[in-house]
């Protein structure tokens, strides 16, 4: 696995890339991509970073695993490529945006436009074998992405962390709540959303309000 990552991140993460666990992870990923179909495509594994420079990060959204269907994953959590049907969680995200701030349901489920505005769309695990959910978990990715969350927490201020669902909420311990904001709710998956744990959280208007209070540009969701 070639670590082709945007320069500002590379400077902050060079020591992480040199650690034994990451060397083992890189070897594992290289073998998997050589033997099986895996997602996202190799050049898109670090898309979350390449479309959101370290100095531009103002919101962090934490997902768990890339989508494992054909052409779905593009390296950004919850996001799918243009022209791909929207997965259930993404549908519920767009429905909440519509009811919260009145932005109509979009045609494309590609969230690159969010990343380009400073939203770090970070999955805890950055790769997956096709049609095998969770197949690359517990191989080292979580150690790496935990280090990224802690880095952002330590080096920056006034970041809005969006923690949706039980898995994301476990990352709370990595975040300095004295200088950052945490918005937590249920997951947008139908299982959680239909039980009343997602709709009405108003995280999109709340995020923009917190950004404006910090003299930062709100996100065009």
N, C-alpha and C. Protein backbone atom coordinates (compact mmCIF):
# COMPACT_ATOMS: atom_id res chain seq x y z
N UNK A 1 0.85 -1.21 0.00
CA UNK A 1 0.00 0.00 0.00
C UNK A 1 0.88 1.24 0.00
N UNK A 2 0.75 2.06 -1.04
CA UNK A 2 1.46 3.33 -1.06
C UNK A 2 0.66 4.37 -0.30
N UNK A 3 1.31 4.98 0.68
CA UNK A 3 0.61 6.00 1.46
C UNK A 3 0.72 7.33 0.72
N UNK A 4 -0.19 7.55 -0.20
CA UNK A 4 -0.23 8.82 -0.92
C UNK A 4 -1.29 9.68 -0.25
N UNK A 5 -0.79 10.55 0.61
CA UNK A 5 -1.70 11.34 1.44
C UNK A 5 -1.31 12.81 1.34
N UNK A 6 -2.27 13.67 1.41
CA UNK A 6 -2.07 15.11 1.26
C UNK A 6 -0.95 15.61 2.20
N UNK A 7 -0.17 16.56 1.71
CA UNK A 7 1.09 16.95 2.36
C UNK A 7 0.93 17.40 3.81
N UNK A 8 -0.11 18.17 4.12
CA UNK A 8 -0.26 18.67 5.50
C UNK A 8 -0.51 17.52 6.48
N UNK A 9 -1.22 16.49 6.04
CA UNK A 9 -1.44 15.30 6.87
C UNK A 9 -0.16 14.49 6.99
N UNK A 10 0.57 14.39 5.89
CA UNK A 10 1.80 13.60 5.88
C UNK A 10 2.76 14.11 6.95
N UNK A 11 2.87 15.42 7.06
CA UNK A 11 3.77 16.01 8.05
C UNK A 11 3.38 15.61 9.47
N UNK A 12 2.09 15.57 9.74
CA UNK A 12 1.61 15.25 11.08
C UNK A 12 1.62 13.74 11.37
N UNK A 13 1.55 12.93 10.32
CA UNK A 13 1.36 11.48 10.52
C UNK A 13 2.58 10.64 10.15
N UNK A 14 3.68 11.29 9.78
CA UNK A 14 4.88 10.54 9.38
C UNK A 14 5.31 9.53 10.44
N UNK A 15 5.28 9.94 11.69
CA UNK A 15 5.70 9.04 12.77
C UNK A 15 4.75 7.84 12.88
N UNK A 16 3.48 8.08 12.62
CA UNK A 16 2.48 7.00 12.69
C UNK A 16 2.74 5.98 11.58
N UNK A 17 3.04 6.47 10.38
CA UNK A 17 3.30 5.58 9.25
C UNK A 17 4.53 4.70 9.49
N UNK A 18 5.45 5.17 10.32
CA UNK A 18 6.69 4.43 10.56
C UNK A 18 6.55 3.35 11.63
N UNK A 19 5.44 3.36 12.35
CA UNK A 19 5.27 2.41 13.46
C UNK A 19 5.05 0.99 12.95
N UNK A 20 5.49 -0.02 13.71
CA UNK A 20 5.36 -1.42 13.26
C UNK A 20 3.93 -1.82 12.92
N UNK A 21 2.94 -1.38 13.71
CA UNK A 21 1.55 -1.79 13.43
C UNK A 21 1.13 -1.31 12.05
N UNK A 22 1.57 -0.09 11.67
CA UNK A 22 1.15 0.45 10.38
C UNK A 22 1.87 -0.28 9.24
N UNK A 23 3.12 -0.64 9.46
CA UNK A 23 3.84 -1.43 8.46
C UNK A 23 3.14 -2.77 8.22
N UNK A 24 2.69 -3.40 9.30
CA UNK A 24 1.95 -4.67 9.19
C UNK A 24 0.61 -4.47 8.48
N UNK A 25 -0.05 -3.37 8.82
CA UNK A 25 -1.34 -3.04 8.19
C UNK A 25 -1.15 -2.83 6.68
N UNK A 26 -0.13 -2.07 6.31
CA UNK A 26 0.13 -1.79 4.91
C UNK A 26 0.38 -3.09 4.13
N UNK A 27 1.10 -4.00 4.75
CA UNK A 27 1.37 -5.29 4.12
C UNK A 27 0.08 -6.09 3.93
N UNK A 28 -0.75 -6.10 4.97
CA UNK A 28 -2.04 -6.80 4.91
C UNK A 28 -2.91 -6.23 3.79
N UNK A 29 -3.01 -4.91 3.73
CA UNK A 29 -3.86 -4.26 2.72
C UNK A 29 -3.34 -4.57 1.32
N UNK A 30 -2.03 -4.52 1.16
CA UNK A 30 -1.42 -4.82 -0.15
C UNK A 30 -1.76 -6.25 -0.59
N UNK A 31 -1.67 -7.20 0.34
CA UNK A 31 -2.00 -8.59 0.04
C UNK A 31 -3.47 -8.76 -0.32
N UNK A 32 -4.34 -8.11 0.45
CA UNK A 32 -5.78 -8.21 0.21
C UNK A 32 -6.16 -7.66 -1.17
N UNK A 33 -5.60 -6.49 -1.49
CA UNK A 33 -5.92 -5.87 -2.78
C UNK A 33 -5.34 -6.68 -3.93
N UNK A 34 -4.26 -7.41 -3.67
CA UNK A 34 -3.66 -8.26 -4.69
C UNK A 34 -4.45 -9.54 -4.94
N UNK A 35 -5.09 -10.06 -3.89
CA UNK A 35 -5.76 -11.36 -3.98
C UNK A 35 -7.28 -11.27 -4.18
N UNK A 36 -7.88 -10.14 -3.76
CA UNK A 36 -9.34 -10.02 -3.79
C UNK A 36 -9.74 -8.65 -4.34
N UNK A 37 -11.00 -8.54 -4.69
CA UNK A 37 -11.56 -7.21 -4.97
C UNK A 37 -11.82 -6.54 -3.64
N UNK A 38 -11.27 -5.34 -3.46
CA UNK A 38 -11.45 -4.59 -2.22
C UNK A 38 -11.89 -3.17 -2.55
N UNK A 39 -12.50 -2.53 -1.57
CA UNK A 39 -12.97 -1.15 -1.74
C UNK A 39 -12.48 -0.30 -0.58
N UNK A 40 -12.33 1.01 -0.80
CA UNK A 40 -12.43 1.71 -2.09
C UNK A 40 -11.23 1.39 -2.97
N UNK A 41 -11.21 1.85 -4.22
CA UNK A 41 -10.01 1.66 -5.05
C UNK A 41 -8.77 2.19 -4.33
N UNK A 42 -7.63 1.55 -4.58
CA UNK A 42 -6.41 1.89 -3.85
C UNK A 42 -6.10 3.37 -3.78
N UNK A 43 -6.28 4.07 -4.88
CA UNK A 43 -5.92 5.49 -4.92
C UNK A 43 -6.91 6.36 -4.13
N UNK A 44 -8.03 5.76 -3.67
CA UNK A 44 -9.04 6.53 -2.94
C UNK A 44 -9.07 6.20 -1.44
N UNK A 45 -8.15 5.33 -0.99
CA UNK A 45 -8.17 4.92 0.42
C UNK A 45 -8.06 6.13 1.35
N UNK A 46 -7.23 7.10 0.97
CA UNK A 46 -7.01 8.27 1.83
C UNK A 46 -7.76 9.51 1.34
N UNK A 47 -8.86 9.30 0.62
CA UNK A 47 -9.64 10.43 0.08
C UNK A 47 -10.11 11.39 1.16
N UNK A 48 -10.47 10.87 2.33
CA UNK A 48 -10.95 11.75 3.40
C UNK A 48 -9.92 12.83 3.73
N UNK A 49 -8.65 12.46 3.66
CA UNK A 49 -7.56 13.38 3.96
C UNK A 49 -7.21 14.24 2.74
N UNK A 50 -7.23 13.63 1.59
CA UNK A 50 -6.80 14.34 0.38
C UNK A 50 -7.77 15.42 -0.06
N UNK A 51 -9.02 15.33 0.42
CA UNK A 51 -10.00 16.36 0.08
C UNK A 51 -10.27 17.31 1.24
N UNK A 52 -9.52 17.16 2.31
CA UNK A 52 -9.74 18.00 3.49
C UNK A 52 -8.41 18.18 4.21
N UNK A 53 -7.66 19.21 3.84
CA UNK A 53 -6.34 19.42 4.43
C UNK A 53 -6.44 19.59 5.95
N UNK A 54 -5.36 19.25 6.63
CA UNK A 54 -5.36 19.33 8.09
C UNK A 54 -5.78 20.72 8.57
N UNK A 55 -5.21 21.75 7.94
CA UNK A 55 -5.50 23.12 8.41
C UNK A 55 -6.94 23.54 8.12
N UNK A 56 -7.63 22.82 7.22
CA UNK A 56 -9.00 23.19 6.86
C UNK A 56 -10.06 22.47 7.69
N UNK A 57 -9.67 21.46 8.47
CA UNK A 57 -10.66 20.67 9.21
C UNK A 57 -11.41 21.54 10.22
N UNK A 58 -12.74 21.48 10.15
CA UNK A 58 -13.55 22.17 11.15
C UNK A 58 -14.67 21.28 11.69
N UNK A 59 -14.98 20.20 10.97
CA UNK A 59 -15.97 19.22 11.41
C UNK A 59 -15.37 17.83 11.19
N UNK A 60 -15.59 16.93 12.14
CA UNK A 60 -15.16 15.53 11.98
C UNK A 60 -16.39 14.64 12.14
N UNK A 61 -16.67 13.86 11.09
CA UNK A 61 -17.77 12.90 11.13
C UNK A 61 -17.16 11.50 11.11
N UNK A 62 -17.49 10.69 12.10
CA UNK A 62 -16.87 9.38 12.24
C UNK A 62 -17.82 8.27 11.83
N UNK A 63 -17.40 7.49 10.83
CA UNK A 63 -18.13 6.30 10.40
C UNK A 63 -17.36 5.06 10.86
N UNK A 64 -17.83 3.91 10.44
CA UNK A 64 -17.21 2.67 10.91
C UNK A 64 -16.44 1.93 9.83
N UNK A 65 -17.10 1.61 8.72
CA UNK A 65 -16.55 0.73 7.70
C UNK A 65 -16.93 1.26 6.32
N UNK A 66 -16.08 1.09 5.31
CA UNK A 66 -16.51 1.48 3.96
C UNK A 66 -17.65 0.59 3.47
N UNK A 67 -18.44 1.12 2.54
CA UNK A 67 -19.42 0.27 1.86
C UNK A 67 -18.69 -0.82 1.10
N UNK A 68 -19.31 -2.01 1.01
CA UNK A 68 -18.61 -3.14 0.39
C UNK A 68 -19.26 -3.59 -0.92
N UNK A 69 -20.20 -2.78 -1.44
CA UNK A 69 -20.83 -3.11 -2.72
C UNK A 69 -20.07 -2.49 -3.89
N UNK A 70 -20.40 -2.95 -5.08
CA UNK A 70 -19.70 -2.51 -6.30
C UNK A 70 -19.81 -1.00 -6.48
N UNK A 71 -18.66 -0.35 -6.64
CA UNK A 71 -18.52 1.08 -6.94
C UNK A 71 -19.14 2.01 -5.89
N UNK A 72 -19.48 1.50 -4.72
CA UNK A 72 -20.08 2.38 -3.72
C UNK A 72 -19.04 3.27 -3.03
N UNK A 73 -18.06 2.64 -2.41
CA UNK A 73 -17.13 3.38 -1.53
C UNK A 73 -16.20 4.30 -2.31
N UNK A 74 -16.00 5.50 -1.78
CA UNK A 74 -15.05 6.42 -2.41
C UNK A 74 -14.09 7.04 -1.38
N UNK A 75 -13.94 6.38 -0.24
CA UNK A 75 -12.97 6.84 0.75
C UNK A 75 -13.50 7.85 1.74
N UNK A 76 -14.77 8.20 1.65
CA UNK A 76 -15.40 9.15 2.57
C UNK A 76 -16.55 8.43 3.29
N UNK A 77 -16.63 8.55 4.59
CA UNK A 77 -17.68 7.84 5.31
C UNK A 77 -19.07 8.33 4.88
N UNK A 78 -19.98 7.41 4.79
CA UNK A 78 -21.38 7.61 4.40
C UNK A 78 -21.58 8.01 2.94
N UNK A 79 -20.50 8.29 2.22
CA UNK A 79 -20.57 8.80 0.85
C UNK A 79 -20.53 7.67 -0.17
N UNK A 80 -21.23 7.87 -1.30
CA UNK A 80 -21.12 6.94 -2.44
C UNK A 80 -20.80 7.75 -3.69
N UNK A 81 -20.31 7.05 -4.70
CA UNK A 81 -19.98 7.70 -5.96
C UNK A 81 -21.23 8.22 -6.66
N UNK A 82 -21.03 9.21 -7.53
CA UNK A 82 -22.12 9.73 -8.35
C UNK A 82 -22.78 8.59 -9.11
N UNK A 83 -24.11 8.62 -9.19
CA UNK A 83 -24.83 7.62 -9.97
C UNK A 83 -25.12 6.33 -9.24
N UNK A 84 -24.65 6.22 -8.00
CA UNK A 84 -24.88 5.01 -7.20
C UNK A 84 -26.10 5.24 -6.29
N UNK A 85 -26.95 4.23 -6.17
CA UNK A 85 -28.13 4.33 -5.30
C UNK A 85 -27.71 4.65 -3.87
N UNK A 86 -28.49 5.49 -3.22
CA UNK A 86 -28.15 5.92 -1.85
C UNK A 86 -28.46 4.81 -0.86
N UNK A 87 -27.48 4.39 -0.05
CA UNK A 87 -27.75 3.41 1.01
C UNK A 87 -28.72 4.00 2.05
N UNK A 88 -29.37 3.14 2.83
CA UNK A 88 -30.40 3.60 3.78
C UNK A 88 -29.92 4.69 4.74
N UNK A 89 -28.73 4.55 5.30
CA UNK A 89 -28.25 5.56 6.26
C UNK A 89 -28.11 6.92 5.59
N UNK A 90 -27.58 6.92 4.37
CA UNK A 90 -27.39 8.18 3.64
C UNK A 90 -28.73 8.83 3.32
N UNK A 91 -29.72 8.01 2.98
CA UNK A 91 -31.06 8.54 2.73
C UNK A 91 -31.57 9.28 3.96
N UNK A 92 -31.36 8.69 5.13
CA UNK A 92 -31.86 9.31 6.36
C UNK A 92 -31.08 10.57 6.72
N UNK A 93 -29.80 10.59 6.37
CA UNK A 93 -29.00 11.81 6.57
C UNK A 93 -29.59 12.95 5.73
N UNK A 94 -29.86 12.67 4.47
CA UNK A 94 -30.40 13.70 3.58
C UNK A 94 -31.80 14.14 4.01
N UNK A 95 -32.61 13.20 4.52
CA UNK A 95 -33.95 13.56 5.00
C UNK A 95 -33.86 14.50 6.20
N UNK A 96 -32.90 14.22 7.09
CA UNK A 96 -32.73 15.09 8.27
C UNK A 96 -32.23 16.47 7.86
N UNK A 97 -31.34 16.53 6.88
CA UNK A 97 -30.85 17.83 6.40
C UNK A 97 -32.02 18.63 5.83
N UNK A 98 -32.88 17.98 5.09
CA UNK A 98 -34.03 18.64 4.50
C UNK A 98 -34.94 19.21 5.59
N UNK A 99 -35.26 18.38 6.59
CA UNK A 99 -36.18 18.85 7.64
C UNK A 99 -35.52 19.85 8.58
N UNK A 100 -34.20 19.75 8.74
CA UNK A 100 -33.48 20.64 9.66
C UNK A 100 -33.24 22.02 9.05
N UNK A 101 -32.67 22.05 7.85
CA UNK A 101 -32.27 23.34 7.29
C UNK A 101 -32.88 23.61 5.91
N UNK A 102 -33.75 22.71 5.44
CA UNK A 102 -34.49 22.98 4.21
C UNK A 102 -33.71 22.79 2.92
N UNK A 103 -32.59 22.07 3.00
CA UNK A 103 -31.85 21.76 1.77
C UNK A 103 -32.51 20.54 1.13
N UNK A 104 -32.97 20.67 -0.11
CA UNK A 104 -33.70 19.56 -0.74
C UNK A 104 -32.84 18.31 -0.89
N UNK A 105 -33.49 17.17 -0.89
CA UNK A 105 -32.82 15.88 -1.06
C UNK A 105 -32.03 15.89 -2.38
N UNK A 106 -30.72 15.62 -2.35
CA UNK A 106 -29.90 15.74 -3.56
C UNK A 106 -29.95 14.50 -4.45
N UNK A 107 -29.57 14.69 -5.69
CA UNK A 107 -29.52 13.58 -6.64
C UNK A 107 -28.33 12.68 -6.35
N UNK A 108 -27.17 13.29 -6.06
CA UNK A 108 -25.94 12.52 -5.85
C UNK A 108 -25.67 12.30 -4.37
N UNK A 109 -25.20 11.08 -4.07
CA UNK A 109 -24.82 10.76 -2.69
C UNK A 109 -23.34 10.96 -2.44
N UNK A 110 -22.65 11.63 -3.36
CA UNK A 110 -21.22 11.89 -3.22
C UNK A 110 -21.01 13.08 -2.29
N UNK A 111 -20.37 12.84 -1.15
CA UNK A 111 -20.19 13.89 -0.14
C UNK A 111 -18.86 14.62 -0.27
N UNK A 112 -18.23 14.51 -1.43
CA UNK A 112 -16.98 15.21 -1.67
C UNK A 112 -17.13 16.70 -1.42
N UNK A 113 -18.33 17.22 -1.72
CA UNK A 113 -18.56 18.65 -1.53
C UNK A 113 -18.45 19.05 -0.06
N UNK A 114 -18.78 18.14 0.86
CA UNK A 114 -18.60 18.41 2.29
C UNK A 114 -17.12 18.40 2.64
N UNK A 115 -16.41 17.38 2.16
CA UNK A 115 -14.98 17.24 2.47
C UNK A 115 -14.22 18.48 2.01
N UNK A 116 -14.58 18.99 0.83
CA UNK A 116 -13.88 20.15 0.29
C UNK A 116 -14.14 21.42 1.10
N UNK A 117 -15.12 21.37 1.99
CA UNK A 117 -15.42 22.52 2.86
C UNK A 117 -14.84 22.36 4.27
N UNK A 118 -14.08 21.30 4.50
CA UNK A 118 -13.46 21.13 5.81
C UNK A 118 -14.14 20.12 6.71
N UNK A 119 -14.95 19.22 6.13
CA UNK A 119 -15.58 18.15 6.90
C UNK A 119 -14.74 16.88 6.69
N UNK A 120 -14.08 16.41 7.75
CA UNK A 120 -13.28 15.19 7.66
C UNK A 120 -14.22 14.00 7.81
N UNK A 121 -14.42 13.27 6.71
CA UNK A 121 -15.38 12.15 6.67
C UNK A 121 -14.61 10.85 6.90
N UNK A 122 -14.39 10.54 8.17
CA UNK A 122 -13.42 9.52 8.56
C UNK A 122 -14.07 8.21 8.98
N UNK A 123 -13.86 7.16 8.20
CA UNK A 123 -14.22 5.82 8.66
C UNK A 123 -13.16 5.31 9.61
N UNK A 124 -13.56 4.54 10.61
CA UNK A 124 -12.60 3.96 11.54
C UNK A 124 -11.71 2.93 10.83
N UNK A 125 -12.30 2.20 9.88
CA UNK A 125 -11.57 1.25 9.04
C UNK A 125 -11.64 1.77 7.61
N UNK A 126 -10.50 1.86 6.94
CA UNK A 126 -10.48 2.55 5.64
C UNK A 126 -10.60 1.64 4.43
N UNK A 127 -10.58 0.32 4.64
CA UNK A 127 -10.70 -0.62 3.51
C UNK A 127 -11.60 -1.79 3.89
N UNK A 128 -12.06 -2.51 2.87
CA UNK A 128 -12.92 -3.67 3.11
C UNK A 128 -12.85 -4.60 1.89
N UNK A 129 -13.01 -5.89 2.12
CA UNK A 129 -13.09 -6.84 1.01
C UNK A 129 -14.51 -6.80 0.44
N UNK A 130 -14.62 -6.89 -0.87
CA UNK A 130 -15.94 -6.81 -1.52
C UNK A 130 -16.93 -7.78 -0.91
N UNK A 131 -18.11 -7.27 -0.58
CA UNK A 131 -19.25 -8.06 -0.11
C UNK A 131 -19.00 -8.75 1.23
N UNK A 132 -17.98 -8.29 1.97
CA UNK A 132 -17.71 -8.89 3.29
C UNK A 132 -17.54 -7.76 4.31
N UNK A 133 -18.66 -7.34 4.86
CA UNK A 133 -18.64 -6.24 5.83
C UNK A 133 -17.70 -6.55 6.99
N UNK A 134 -16.92 -5.56 7.37
CA UNK A 134 -16.05 -5.69 8.54
C UNK A 134 -14.82 -6.56 8.33
N UNK A 135 -14.55 -6.95 7.08
CA UNK A 135 -13.47 -7.92 6.82
C UNK A 135 -12.07 -7.37 7.08
N UNK A 136 -11.91 -6.05 7.14
CA UNK A 136 -10.60 -5.47 7.43
C UNK A 136 -10.55 -4.81 8.80
N UNK A 137 -11.50 -5.12 9.65
CA UNK A 137 -11.47 -4.59 11.02
C UNK A 137 -10.41 -5.31 11.84
N UNK A 138 -9.93 -4.62 12.88
CA UNK A 138 -8.97 -5.20 13.84
C UNK A 138 -7.67 -5.64 13.18
N UNK A 139 -7.26 -4.90 12.16
CA UNK A 139 -5.98 -5.17 11.49
C UNK A 139 -5.01 -4.01 11.66
N UNK A 140 -5.48 -2.94 12.33
CA UNK A 140 -4.62 -1.79 12.55
C UNK A 140 -5.21 -0.47 12.12
N UNK A 141 -6.23 -0.51 11.27
CA UNK A 141 -6.83 0.75 10.84
C UNK A 141 -7.38 1.56 12.02
N UNK A 142 -8.01 0.86 12.98
CA UNK A 142 -8.61 1.59 14.10
C UNK A 142 -7.55 2.31 14.93
N UNK A 143 -6.38 1.68 15.07
CA UNK A 143 -5.27 2.33 15.79
C UNK A 143 -4.87 3.61 15.07
N UNK A 144 -4.80 3.53 13.74
CA UNK A 144 -4.42 4.69 12.93
C UNK A 144 -5.47 5.80 13.01
N UNK A 145 -6.74 5.45 12.81
CA UNK A 145 -7.77 6.50 12.80
C UNK A 145 -8.01 7.08 14.19
N UNK A 146 -7.80 6.28 15.24
CA UNK A 146 -7.84 6.83 16.60
C UNK A 146 -6.73 7.88 16.77
N UNK A 147 -5.57 7.60 16.22
CA UNK A 147 -4.45 8.55 16.29
C UNK A 147 -4.80 9.85 15.55
N UNK A 148 -5.52 9.71 14.44
CA UNK A 148 -5.95 10.89 13.67
C UNK A 148 -6.92 11.74 14.49
N UNK A 149 -7.89 11.08 15.13
CA UNK A 149 -8.87 11.81 15.96
C UNK A 149 -8.16 12.53 17.09
N UNK A 150 -7.24 11.86 17.74
CA UNK A 150 -6.49 12.47 18.85
C UNK A 150 -5.62 13.62 18.35
N UNK A 151 -5.02 13.46 17.18
CA UNK A 151 -4.21 14.52 16.59
C UNK A 151 -5.04 15.78 16.37
N UNK A 152 -6.21 15.61 15.76
CA UNK A 152 -7.09 16.76 15.52
C UNK A 152 -7.50 17.40 16.84
N UNK A 153 -7.83 16.57 17.82
CA UNK A 153 -8.22 17.08 19.13
C UNK A 153 -7.08 17.87 19.79
N UNK A 154 -5.87 17.32 19.74
CA UNK A 154 -4.73 17.94 20.41
C UNK A 154 -4.27 19.22 19.73
N UNK A 155 -4.27 19.24 18.40
CA UNK A 155 -3.62 20.32 17.66
C UNK A 155 -4.56 21.44 17.23
N UNK A 156 -5.88 21.21 17.31
CA UNK A 156 -6.82 22.20 16.81
C UNK A 156 -7.81 22.63 17.90
N UNK A 157 -8.63 23.61 17.59
CA UNK A 157 -9.64 24.10 18.54
C UNK A 157 -10.98 24.27 17.82
N UNK A 158 -12.05 24.22 18.61
CA UNK A 158 -13.40 24.50 18.10
C UNK A 158 -13.85 23.58 16.97
N UNK A 159 -13.35 22.35 16.98
CA UNK A 159 -13.82 21.37 16.00
C UNK A 159 -15.17 20.82 16.47
N UNK A 160 -16.09 20.63 15.53
CA UNK A 160 -17.36 19.98 15.83
C UNK A 160 -17.22 18.50 15.47
N UNK A 161 -17.31 17.64 16.46
CA UNK A 161 -17.25 16.18 16.24
C UNK A 161 -18.67 15.63 16.22
N UNK A 162 -19.03 14.96 15.14
CA UNK A 162 -20.35 14.35 15.00
C UNK A 162 -20.23 12.85 15.26
N UNK A 163 -20.82 12.39 16.35
CA UNK A 163 -20.72 11.00 16.77
C UNK A 163 -22.10 10.37 16.70
N UNK A 164 -22.31 9.58 15.66
CA UNK A 164 -23.63 8.98 15.41
C UNK A 164 -23.57 7.48 15.68
N UNK A 165 -24.28 7.05 16.68
CA UNK A 165 -24.34 5.62 17.00
C UNK A 165 -23.31 5.22 18.04
N UNK A 166 -23.52 4.04 18.60
CA UNK A 166 -22.70 3.56 19.71
C UNK A 166 -21.22 3.45 19.38
N UNK A 167 -20.90 3.01 18.19
CA UNK A 167 -19.49 2.83 17.82
C UNK A 167 -18.77 4.18 17.82
N UNK A 168 -19.37 5.17 17.17
CA UNK A 168 -18.75 6.50 17.09
C UNK A 168 -18.64 7.14 18.47
N UNK A 169 -19.64 6.92 19.32
CA UNK A 169 -19.61 7.54 20.66
C UNK A 169 -18.45 7.04 21.50
N UNK A 170 -17.96 5.83 21.21
CA UNK A 170 -16.80 5.31 21.95
C UNK A 170 -15.54 6.14 21.70
N UNK A 171 -15.54 6.93 20.63
CA UNK A 171 -14.37 7.76 20.31
C UNK A 171 -14.32 9.03 21.15
N UNK A 172 -15.36 9.24 21.95
CA UNK A 172 -15.44 10.45 22.77
C UNK A 172 -14.22 10.60 23.68
N UNK A 173 -13.67 9.48 24.14
CA UNK A 173 -12.55 9.52 25.08
C UNK A 173 -11.28 10.09 24.44
N UNK A 174 -11.25 10.16 23.11
CA UNK A 174 -10.08 10.69 22.41
C UNK A 174 -10.14 12.20 22.22
N UNK A 175 -11.27 12.79 22.58
CA UNK A 175 -11.54 14.20 22.26
C UNK A 175 -11.51 15.07 23.51
N UNK A 176 -10.79 16.18 23.45
CA UNK A 176 -10.72 17.14 24.55
C UNK A 176 -11.97 18.01 24.51
N UNK A 177 -12.91 17.72 25.39
CA UNK A 177 -14.20 18.42 25.36
C UNK A 177 -14.10 19.85 25.90
N UNK A 178 -12.95 20.21 26.46
CA UNK A 178 -12.78 21.58 26.93
C UNK A 178 -12.57 22.56 25.79
N UNK A 179 -12.13 22.07 24.64
CA UNK A 179 -11.87 23.00 23.52
C UNK A 179 -12.56 22.59 22.22
N UNK A 180 -13.34 21.52 22.27
CA UNK A 180 -14.08 21.08 21.08
C UNK A 180 -15.55 20.85 21.43
N UNK A 181 -16.36 20.68 20.40
CA UNK A 181 -17.80 20.44 20.56
C UNK A 181 -18.14 19.03 20.10
N UNK A 182 -18.95 18.35 20.86
CA UNK A 182 -19.41 17.02 20.47
C UNK A 182 -20.93 17.03 20.32
N UNK A 183 -21.39 16.60 19.15
CA UNK A 183 -22.82 16.39 18.92
C UNK A 183 -23.02 14.90 18.72
N UNK A 184 -23.74 14.27 19.64
CA UNK A 184 -23.94 12.82 19.60
C UNK A 184 -25.42 12.50 19.46
N UNK A 185 -25.70 11.43 18.71
CA UNK A 185 -27.08 10.97 18.57
C UNK A 185 -27.06 9.51 18.15
N UNK A 186 -28.25 8.97 17.93
CA UNK A 186 -28.34 7.63 17.36
C UNK A 186 -27.80 7.63 15.94
N UNK A 187 -27.62 6.44 15.40
CA UNK A 187 -27.10 6.27 14.04
C UNK A 187 -28.23 6.51 13.02
N UNK A 188 -27.89 7.01 11.83
CA UNK A 188 -28.94 7.23 10.83
C UNK A 188 -29.44 5.96 10.14
N UNK A 189 -28.92 4.80 10.50
CA UNK A 189 -29.42 3.55 9.91
C UNK A 189 -30.90 3.37 10.27
N UNK A 190 -31.67 2.74 9.41
CA UNK A 190 -33.10 2.57 9.68
C UNK A 190 -33.39 1.94 11.04
N UNK A 191 -32.57 0.99 11.45
CA UNK A 191 -32.77 0.31 12.73
C UNK A 191 -32.85 1.31 13.88
N UNK A 192 -31.92 2.28 13.86
CA UNK A 192 -31.86 3.30 14.91
C UNK A 192 -32.84 4.44 14.63
N UNK A 193 -32.83 4.91 13.38
CA UNK A 193 -33.64 6.08 13.03
C UNK A 193 -35.12 5.83 13.24
N UNK A 194 -35.58 4.63 12.91
CA UNK A 194 -37.01 4.33 13.03
C UNK A 194 -37.46 4.15 14.48
N UNK A 195 -36.48 4.06 15.39
CA UNK A 195 -36.82 4.01 16.82
C UNK A 195 -36.79 5.41 17.45
N UNK A 196 -36.57 6.41 16.62
CA UNK A 196 -36.58 7.79 17.12
C UNK A 196 -35.26 8.30 17.63
N UNK A 197 -34.16 7.62 17.26
CA UNK A 197 -32.85 8.03 17.79
C UNK A 197 -32.05 8.89 16.82
N UNK A 198 -32.63 9.21 15.67
CA UNK A 198 -31.88 9.99 14.67
C UNK A 198 -32.62 11.25 14.22
N UNK A 199 -33.83 11.06 13.70
CA UNK A 199 -34.56 12.21 13.15
C UNK A 199 -34.83 13.26 14.23
N UNK A 200 -34.61 14.50 13.83
CA UNK A 200 -34.83 15.61 14.77
C UNK A 200 -33.61 15.99 15.59
N UNK A 201 -32.45 15.38 15.32
CA UNK A 201 -31.26 15.75 16.09
C UNK A 201 -30.73 17.13 15.72
N UNK A 202 -31.12 17.62 14.55
CA UNK A 202 -30.74 18.97 14.10
C UNK A 202 -29.23 19.22 14.13
N UNK A 203 -28.47 18.17 13.86
CA UNK A 203 -27.02 18.31 13.94
C UNK A 203 -26.44 19.24 12.88
N UNK A 204 -27.15 19.44 11.79
CA UNK A 204 -26.61 20.24 10.69
C UNK A 204 -26.74 21.74 11.00
N UNK A 205 -27.89 22.14 11.52
CA UNK A 205 -28.03 23.54 11.94
C UNK A 205 -27.20 23.82 13.19
N UNK A 206 -27.12 22.86 14.09
CA UNK A 206 -26.31 23.04 15.31
C UNK A 206 -24.83 23.18 14.98
N UNK A 207 -24.36 22.34 14.03
CA UNK A 207 -22.96 22.44 13.60
C UNK A 207 -22.66 23.82 13.05
N UNK A 208 -23.52 24.30 12.16
CA UNK A 208 -23.28 25.61 11.55
C UNK A 208 -23.34 26.73 12.57
N UNK A 209 -24.21 26.60 13.54
CA UNK A 209 -24.28 27.60 14.61
C UNK A 209 -22.98 27.65 15.41
N UNK A 210 -22.44 26.48 15.74
CA UNK A 210 -21.18 26.41 16.48
C UNK A 210 -20.02 26.95 15.66
N UNK A 211 -20.01 26.68 14.36
CA UNK A 211 -18.95 27.20 13.49
C UNK A 211 -19.01 28.72 13.41
N UNK A 212 -20.22 29.24 13.28
CA UNK A 212 -20.37 30.70 13.19
C UNK A 212 -19.96 31.38 14.49
N UNK A 213 -20.24 30.73 15.62
CA UNK A 213 -19.81 31.28 16.91
C UNK A 213 -18.29 31.36 17.01
N UNK A 214 -17.60 30.46 16.28
CA UNK A 214 -16.14 30.44 16.28
C UNK A 214 -15.57 31.24 15.10
N UNK A 215 -16.44 32.05 14.46
CA UNK A 215 -16.03 32.87 13.30
C UNK A 215 -15.53 32.02 12.14
N UNK A 216 -16.15 30.86 11.94
CA UNK A 216 -15.82 29.99 10.82
C UNK A 216 -17.00 29.92 9.86
N UNK A 217 -16.70 29.65 8.60
CA UNK A 217 -17.74 29.55 7.58
C UNK A 217 -18.63 28.34 7.84
N UNK A 218 -19.95 28.51 7.83
CA UNK A 218 -20.83 27.34 7.97
C UNK A 218 -20.69 26.42 6.77
N UNK A 219 -21.08 25.16 6.95
CA UNK A 219 -21.00 24.18 5.87
C UNK A 219 -22.26 24.26 5.00
N UNK A 220 -22.06 24.25 3.70
CA UNK A 220 -23.18 24.16 2.77
C UNK A 220 -23.53 22.68 2.63
N UNK A 221 -24.43 22.21 3.48
CA UNK A 221 -24.79 20.79 3.49
C UNK A 221 -25.57 20.44 2.22
